[in-house]
Amino acid sequence: MSENLYLISDVAKRLDVPPHRVAYLFLTRKLAEPKMRLGNRRIFTEADVRRVCKALGRTAEVREKEACG
């Protein structure tokens, strides 16, 4: 079983927001950092994408319905 992994730009596209809005959540410590990193890049799992979605208050307007679970 393989899990989909995403970069911050992928998460931003799925949630239809600019990447800096997602990064801001981590810079201001409103969300904990994702557990995985590759080099110096954040790697997001589906659970991380749902956390970001909830923190941004995104629901109905999300491009992919399953993004916010």
PDB file of N, CA and C in Angstrom:
ATOM      1  N   MET A   1       0.848  -1.181   0.000  1.00  0.00           N
ATOM      2  CA  MET A   1       0.000   0.000   0.000  1.00  0.00           C
ATOM      3  C   MET A   1       0.889   1.238   0.000  1.00  0.00           C
ATOM      4  N   SER A   2       0.676   2.109  -0.942  1.00  0.00           N
ATOM      5  CA  SER A   2       1.462   3.335  -1.001  1.00  0.00           C
ATOM      6  C   SER A   2       0.564   4.532  -0.690  1.00  0.00           C
ATOM      7  N   GLU A   3       1.140   5.487  -0.035  1.00  0.00           N
ATOM      8  CA  GLU A   3       0.404   6.692   0.352  1.00  0.00           C
ATOM      9  C   GLU A   3       0.863   7.837  -0.528  1.00  0.00           C
ATOM     10  N   ASN A   4      -0.085   8.676  -0.934  1.00  0.00           N
ATOM     11  CA  ASN A   4       0.272   9.849  -1.724  1.00  0.00           C
ATOM     12  C   ASN A   4       0.970  10.862  -0.839  1.00  0.00           C
ATOM     13  N   LEU A   5       2.025  11.454  -1.376  1.00  0.00           N
ATOM     14  CA  LEU A   5       2.781  12.480  -0.669  1.00  0.00           C
ATOM     15  C   LEU A   5       2.757  13.751  -1.506  1.00  0.00           C
ATOM     16  N   TYR A   6       2.746  14.899  -0.831  1.00  0.00           N
ATOM     17  CA  TYR A   6       2.598  16.174  -1.521  1.00  0.00           C
ATOM     18  C   TYR A   6       3.616  17.188  -1.018  1.00  0.00           C
ATOM     19  N   LEU A   7       4.014  18.085  -1.906  1.00  0.00           N
ATOM     20  CA  LEU A   7       4.807  19.252  -1.530  1.00  0.00           C
ATOM     21  C   LEU A   7       3.838  20.393  -1.232  1.00  0.00           C
ATOM     22  N   ILE A   8       4.367  21.470  -0.701  1.00  0.00           N
ATOM     23  CA  ILE A   8       3.511  22.601  -0.327  1.00  0.00           C
ATOM     24  C   ILE A   8       2.774  23.177  -1.540  1.00  0.00           C
ATOM     25  N   SER A   9       3.392  23.170  -2.697  1.00  0.00           N
ATOM     26  CA  SER A   9       2.720  23.674  -3.902  1.00  0.00           C
ATOM     27  C   SER A   9       1.557  22.775  -4.295  1.00  0.00           C
ATOM     28  N   ASP A  10       1.699  21.462  -4.104  1.00  0.00           N
ATOM     29  CA  ASP A  10       0.614  20.525  -4.407  1.00  0.00           C
ATOM     30  C   ASP A  10      -0.564  20.739  -3.461  1.00  0.00           C
ATOM     31  N   VAL A  11      -0.262  20.946  -2.185  1.00  0.00           N
ATOM     32  CA  VAL A  11      -1.307  21.194  -1.195  1.00  0.00           C
ATOM     33  C   VAL A  11      -2.045  22.483  -1.551  1.00  0.00           C
ATOM     34  N   ALA A  12      -1.308  23.510  -1.906  1.00  0.00           N
ATOM     35  CA  ALA A  12      -1.920  24.792  -2.263  1.00  0.00           C
ATOM     36  C   ALA A  12      -2.834  24.645  -3.481  1.00  0.00           C
ATOM     37  N   LYS A  13      -2.415  23.879  -4.475  1.00  0.00           N
ATOM     38  CA  LYS A  13      -3.256  23.664  -5.658  1.00  0.00           C
ATOM     39  C   LYS A  13      -4.523  22.913  -5.292  1.00  0.00           C
ATOM     40  N   ARG A  14      -4.389  21.876  -4.452  1.00  0.00           N
ATOM     41  CA  ARG A  14      -5.569  21.096  -4.043  1.00  0.00           C
ATOM     42  C   ARG A  14      -6.573  21.949  -3.283  1.00  0.00           C
ATOM     43  N   LEU A  15      -6.073  22.880  -2.473  1.00  0.00           N
ATOM     44  CA  LEU A  15      -6.950  23.709  -1.665  1.00  0.00           C
ATOM     45  C   LEU A  15      -7.294  25.027  -2.335  1.00  0.00           C
ATOM     46  N   ASP A  16      -6.727  25.247  -3.514  1.00  0.00           N
ATOM     47  CA  ASP A  16      -6.985  26.450  -4.301  1.00  0.00           C
ATOM     48  C   ASP A  16      -6.649  27.729  -3.528  1.00  0.00           C
ATOM     49  N   VAL A  17      -5.454  27.725  -2.939  1.00  0.00           N
ATOM     50  CA  VAL A  17      -4.930  28.902  -2.239  1.00  0.00           C
ATOM     51  C   VAL A  17      -3.491  29.107  -2.684  1.00  0.00           C
ATOM     52  N   PRO A  18      -2.951  30.303  -2.521  1.00  0.00           N
ATOM     53  CA  PRO A  18      -1.543  30.513  -2.854  1.00  0.00           C
ATOM     54  C   PRO A  18      -0.643  29.777  -1.856  1.00  0.00           C
ATOM     55  N   PRO A  19       0.513  29.304  -2.291  1.00  0.00           N
ATOM     56  CA  PRO A  19       1.422  28.560  -1.401  1.00  0.00           C
ATOM     57  C   PRO A  19       1.831  29.332  -0.151  1.00  0.00           C
ATOM     58  N   HIS A  20       1.930  30.655  -0.247  1.00  0.00           N
ATOM     59  CA  HIS A  20       2.362  31.409   0.930  1.00  0.00           C
ATOM     60  C   HIS A  20       1.343  31.347   2.063  1.00  0.00           C
ATOM     61  N   ARG A  21       0.066  31.133   1.750  1.00  0.00           N
ATOM     62  CA  ARG A  21      -0.948  30.994   2.815  1.00  0.00           C
ATOM     63  C   ARG A  21      -0.740  29.709   3.596  1.00  0.00           C
ATOM     64  N   VAL A  22      -0.339  28.653   2.912  1.00  0.00           N
ATOM     65  CA  VAL A  22      -0.064  27.385   3.594  1.00  0.00           C
ATOM     66  C   VAL A  22       1.205  27.528   4.433  1.00  0.00           C
ATOM     67  N   ALA A  23       2.247  28.100   3.865  1.00  0.00           N
ATOM     68  CA  ALA A  23       3.511  28.276   4.585  1.00  0.00           C
ATOM     69  C   ALA A  23       3.332  29.156   5.823  1.00  0.00           C
ATOM     70  N   TYR A  24       2.465  30.138   5.734  1.00  0.00           N
ATOM     71  CA  TYR A  24       2.233  31.065   6.853  1.00  0.00           C
ATOM     72  C   TYR A  24       1.734  30.325   8.097  1.00  0.00           C
ATOM     73  N   LEU A  25       0.938  29.293   7.908  1.00  0.00           N
ATOM     74  CA  LEU A  25       0.432  28.513   9.041  1.00  0.00           C
ATOM     75  C   LEU A  25       1.571  27.898   9.844  1.00  0.00           C
ATOM     76  N   PHE A  26       2.623  27.510   9.178  1.00  0.00           N
ATOM     77  CA  PHE A  26       3.766  26.892   9.859  1.00  0.00           C
ATOM     78  C   PHE A  26       4.720  27.941  10.412  1.00  0.00           C
ATOM     79  N   LEU A  27       4.884  29.038   9.682  1.00  0.00           N
ATOM     80  CA  LEU A  27       5.773  30.101  10.153  1.00  0.00           C
ATOM     81  C   LEU A  27       5.253  30.755  11.424  1.00  0.00           C
ATOM     82  N   THR A  28       3.931  30.864  11.546  1.00  0.00           N
ATOM     83  CA  THR A  28       3.328  31.473  12.732  1.00  0.00           C
ATOM     84  C   THR A  28       2.997  30.438  13.808  1.00  0.00           C
ATOM     85  N   ARG A  29       3.344  29.199  13.552  1.00  0.00           N
ATOM     86  CA  ARG A  29       3.115  28.075  14.479  1.00  0.00           C
ATOM     87  C   ARG A  29       1.643  27.845  14.793  1.00  0.00           C
ATOM     88  N   LYS A  30       0.784  28.139  13.831  1.00  0.00           N
ATOM     89  CA  LYS A  30      -0.636  27.831  13.992  1.00  0.00           C
ATOM     90  C   LYS A  30      -0.885  26.346  13.751  1.00  0.00           C
ATOM     91  N   LEU A  31       0.019  25.715  13.037  1.00  0.00           N
ATOM     92  CA  LEU A  31      -0.018  24.271  12.812  1.00  0.00           C
ATOM     93  C   LEU A  31       1.370  23.708  13.088  1.00  0.00           C
ATOM     94  N   ALA A  32       1.396  22.479  13.579  1.00  0.00           N
ATOM     95  CA  ALA A  32       2.673  21.798  13.768  1.00  0.00           C
ATOM     96  C   ALA A  32       3.238  21.407  12.403  1.00  0.00           C
ATOM     97  N   GLU A  33       4.540  21.378  12.313  1.00  0.00           N
ATOM     98  CA  GLU A  33       5.195  20.985  11.064  1.00  0.00           C
ATOM     99  C   GLU A  33       4.828  19.549  10.695  1.00  0.00           C
ATOM    100  N   PRO A  34       4.744  19.245   9.399  1.00  0.00           N
ATOM    101  CA  PRO A  34       4.537  17.852   9.006  1.00  0.00           C
ATOM    102  C   PRO A  34       5.716  17.004   9.495  1.00  0.00           C
ATOM    103  N   LYS A  35       5.459  15.748   9.764  1.00  0.00           N
ATOM    104  CA  LYS A  35       6.497  14.875  10.324  1.00  0.00           C
ATOM    105  C   LYS A  35       7.586  14.536   9.314  1.00  0.00           C
ATOM    106  N   MET A  36       7.247  14.547   8.039  1.00  0.00           N
ATOM    107  CA  MET A  36       8.233  14.158   7.030  1.00  0.00           C
ATOM    108  C   MET A  36       8.845  15.372   6.351  1.00  0.00           C
ATOM    109  N   ARG A  37      10.130  15.231   6.078  1.00  0.00           N
ATOM    110  CA  ARG A  37      10.874  16.230   5.309  1.00  0.00           C
ATOM    111  C   ARG A  37      11.800  15.495   4.353  1.00  0.00           C
ATOM    112  N   LEU A  38      12.037  16.104   3.231  1.00  0.00           N
ATOM    113  CA  LEU A  38      13.001  15.589   2.268  1.00  0.00           C
ATOM    114  C   LEU A  38      13.902  16.754   1.924  1.00  0.00           C
ATOM    115  N   GLY A  39      15.131  16.679   2.369  1.00  0.00           N
ATOM    116  CA  GLY A  39      16.008  17.834   2.250  1.00  0.00           C
ATOM    117  C   GLY A  39      15.481  18.890   3.193  1.00  0.00           C
ATOM    118  N   ASN A  40      15.143  20.034   2.660  1.00  0.00           N
ATOM    119  CA  ASN A  40      14.577  21.095   3.486  1.00  0.00           C
ATOM    120  C   ASN A  40      13.121  21.374   3.104  1.00  0.00           C
ATOM    121  N   ARG A  41      12.481  20.408   2.454  1.00  0.00           N
ATOM    122  CA  ARG A  41      11.105  20.592   1.989  1.00  0.00           C
ATOM    123  C   ARG A  41      10.136  19.807   2.866  1.00  0.00           C
ATOM    124  N   ARG A  42       9.008  20.431   3.139  1.00  0.00           N
ATOM    125  CA  ARG A  42       7.954  19.751   3.884  1.00  0.00           C
ATOM    126  C   ARG A  42       7.272  18.746   2.961  1.00  0.00           C
ATOM    127  N   ILE A  43       7.029  17.555   3.476  1.00  0.00           N
ATOM    128  CA  ILE A  43       6.319  16.522   2.734  1.00  0.00           C
ATOM    129  C   ILE A  43       5.011  16.259   3.474  1.00  0.00           C
ATOM    130  N   PHE A  44       3.895  16.415   2.770  1.00  0.00           N
ATOM    131  CA  PHE A  44       2.571  16.307   3.369  1.00  0.00           C
ATOM    132  C   PHE A  44       1.910  14.985   3.018  1.00  0.00           C
ATOM    133  N   THR A  45       1.262  14.368   4.003  1.00  0.00           N
ATOM    134  CA  THR A  45       0.431  13.191   3.782  1.00  0.00           C
ATOM    135  C   THR A  45      -1.022  13.661   3.650  1.00  0.00           C
ATOM    136  N   GLU A  46      -1.925  12.724   3.384  1.00  0.00           N
ATOM    137  CA  GLU A  46      -3.349  13.074   3.301  1.00  0.00           C
ATOM    138  C   GLU A  46      -3.843  13.675   4.612  1.00  0.00           C
ATOM    139  N   ALA A  47      -3.390  13.124   5.729  1.00  0.00           N
ATOM    140  CA  ALA A  47      -3.801  13.652   7.035  1.00  0.00           C
ATOM    141  C   ALA A  47      -3.316  15.087   7.216  1.00  0.00           C
ATOM    142  N   ASP A  48      -2.097  15.377   6.759  1.00  0.00           N
ATOM    143  CA  ASP A  48      -1.566  16.737   6.843  1.00  0.00           C
ATOM    144  C   ASP A  48      -2.389  17.692   5.983  1.00  0.00           C
ATOM    145  N   VAL A  49      -2.790  17.234   4.802  1.00  0.00           N
ATOM    146  CA  VAL A  49      -3.600  18.075   3.911  1.00  0.00           C
ATOM    147  C   VAL A  49      -4.932  18.404   4.579  1.00  0.00           C
ATOM    148  N   ARG A  50      -5.537  17.426   5.245  1.00  0.00           N
ATOM    149  CA  ARG A  50      -6.803  17.682   5.947  1.00  0.00           C
ATOM    150  C   ARG A  50      -6.612  18.685   7.084  1.00  0.00           C
ATOM    151  N   ARG A  51      -5.481  18.591   7.801  1.00  0.00           N
ATOM    152  CA  ARG A  51      -5.206  19.553   8.885  1.00  0.00           C
ATOM    153  C   ARG A  51      -5.065  20.960   8.338  1.00  0.00           C
ATOM    154  N   VAL A  52      -4.355  21.105   7.234  1.00  0.00           N
ATOM    155  CA  VAL A  52      -4.177  22.418   6.607  1.00  0.00           C
ATOM    156  C   VAL A  52      -5.522  22.948   6.131  1.00  0.00           C
ATOM    157  N   CYS A  53      -6.304  22.084   5.525  1.00  0.00           N
ATOM    158  CA  CYS A  53      -7.620  22.468   5.029  1.00  0.00           C
ATOM    159  C   CYS A  53      -8.486  22.996   6.164  1.00  0.00           C
ATOM    160  N   LYS A  54      -8.494  22.293   7.272  1.00  0.00           N
ATOM    161  CA  LYS A  54      -9.291  22.716   8.423  1.00  0.00           C
ATOM    162  C   LYS A  54      -8.782  24.041   8.990  1.00  0.00           C
ATOM    163  N   ALA A  55      -7.466  24.206   9.061  1.00  0.00           N
ATOM    164  CA  ALA A  55      -6.880  25.438   9.593  1.00  0.00           C
ATOM    165  C   ALA A  55      -7.208  26.646   8.713  1.00  0.00           C
ATOM    166  N   LEU A  56      -7.332  26.420   7.416  1.00  0.00           N
ATOM    167  CA  LEU A  56      -7.658  27.509   6.493  1.00  0.00           C
ATOM    168  C   LEU A  56      -9.165  27.764   6.419  1.00  0.00           C
ATOM    169  N   GLY A  57      -9.954  26.870   7.010  1.00  0.00           N
ATOM    170  CA  GLY A  57     -11.396  27.035   6.959  1.00  0.00           C
ATOM    171  C   GLY A  57     -11.976  26.739   5.596  1.00  0.00           C
ATOM    172  N   ARG A  58     -11.290  25.904   4.836  1.00  0.00           N
ATOM    173  CA  ARG A  58     -11.741  25.570   3.481  1.00  0.00           C
ATOM    174  C   ARG A  58     -12.635  24.338   3.545  1.00  0.00           C
ATOM    175  N   THR A  59     -13.787  24.393   2.878  1.00  0.00           N
ATOM    176  CA  THR A  59     -14.645  23.219   2.815  1.00  0.00           C
ATOM    177  C   THR A  59     -15.245  23.091   1.422  1.00  0.00           C
ATOM    178  N   ALA A  60     -16.346  23.741   1.178  1.00  0.00           N
ATOM    179  CA  ALA A  60     -17.096  23.559  -0.072  1.00  0.00           C
ATOM    180  C   ALA A  60     -16.346  24.061  -1.299  1.00  0.00           C
ATOM    181  N   GLU A  61     -15.536  25.090  -1.146  1.00  0.00           N
ATOM    182  CA  GLU A  61     -14.893  25.676  -2.309  1.00  0.00           C
ATOM    183  C   GLU A  61     -13.607  24.972  -2.725  1.00  0.00           C
ATOM    184  N   VAL A  62     -13.277  23.884  -2.057  1.00  0.00           N
ATOM    185  CA  VAL A  62     -12.050  23.149  -2.372  1.00  0.00           C
ATOM    186  C   VAL A  62     -12.193  22.490  -3.743  1.00  0.00           C
ATOM    187  N   ARG A  63     -11.128  22.546  -4.514  1.00  0.00           N
ATOM    188  CA  ARG A  63     -11.149  22.026  -5.876  1.00  0.00           C
ATOM    189  C   ARG A  63     -11.451  20.531  -5.894  1.00  0.00           C
ATOM    190  N   GLU A  64     -10.805  19.743  -5.040  1.00  0.00           N
ATOM    191  CA  GLU A  64     -11.053  18.306  -4.975  1.00  0.00           C
ATOM    192  C   GLU A  64     -11.839  18.007  -3.712  1.00  0.00           C
ATOM    193  N   LYS A  65     -13.010  17.419  -3.838  1.00  0.00           N
ATOM    194  CA  LYS A  65     -13.905  17.224  -2.708  1.00  0.00           C
ATOM    195  C   LYS A  65     -13.264  16.431  -1.579  1.00  0.00           C
ATOM    196  N   GLU A  66     -12.440  15.451  -1.898  1.00  0.00           N
ATOM    197  CA  GLU A  66     -11.847  14.616  -0.848  1.00  0.00           C
ATOM    198  C   GLU A  66     -10.689  15.278  -0.120  1.00  0.00           C
ATOM    199  N   ALA A  67     -10.257  16.450  -0.537  1.00  0.00           N
ATOM    200  CA  ALA A  67      -9.106  17.105   0.089  1.00  0.00           C
ATOM    201  C   ALA A  67      -9.345  17.426   1.554  1.00  0.00           C
ATOM    202  N   CYS A  68     -10.546  17.818   1.908  1.00  0.00           N
ATOM    203  CA  CYS A  68     -10.850  18.146   3.301  1.00  0.00           C
ATOM    204  C   CYS A  68     -11.577  17.021   4.007  1.00  0.00           C
ATOM    205  N   GLY A  69     -11.636  15.882   3.392  1.00  0.00           N
ATOM    206  CA  GLY A  69     -12.171  14.689   4.026  1.00  0.00           C
ATOM    207  C   GLY A  69     -13.607  14.762   4.281  1.00  0.00           C
TER     208      GLY A  69
END
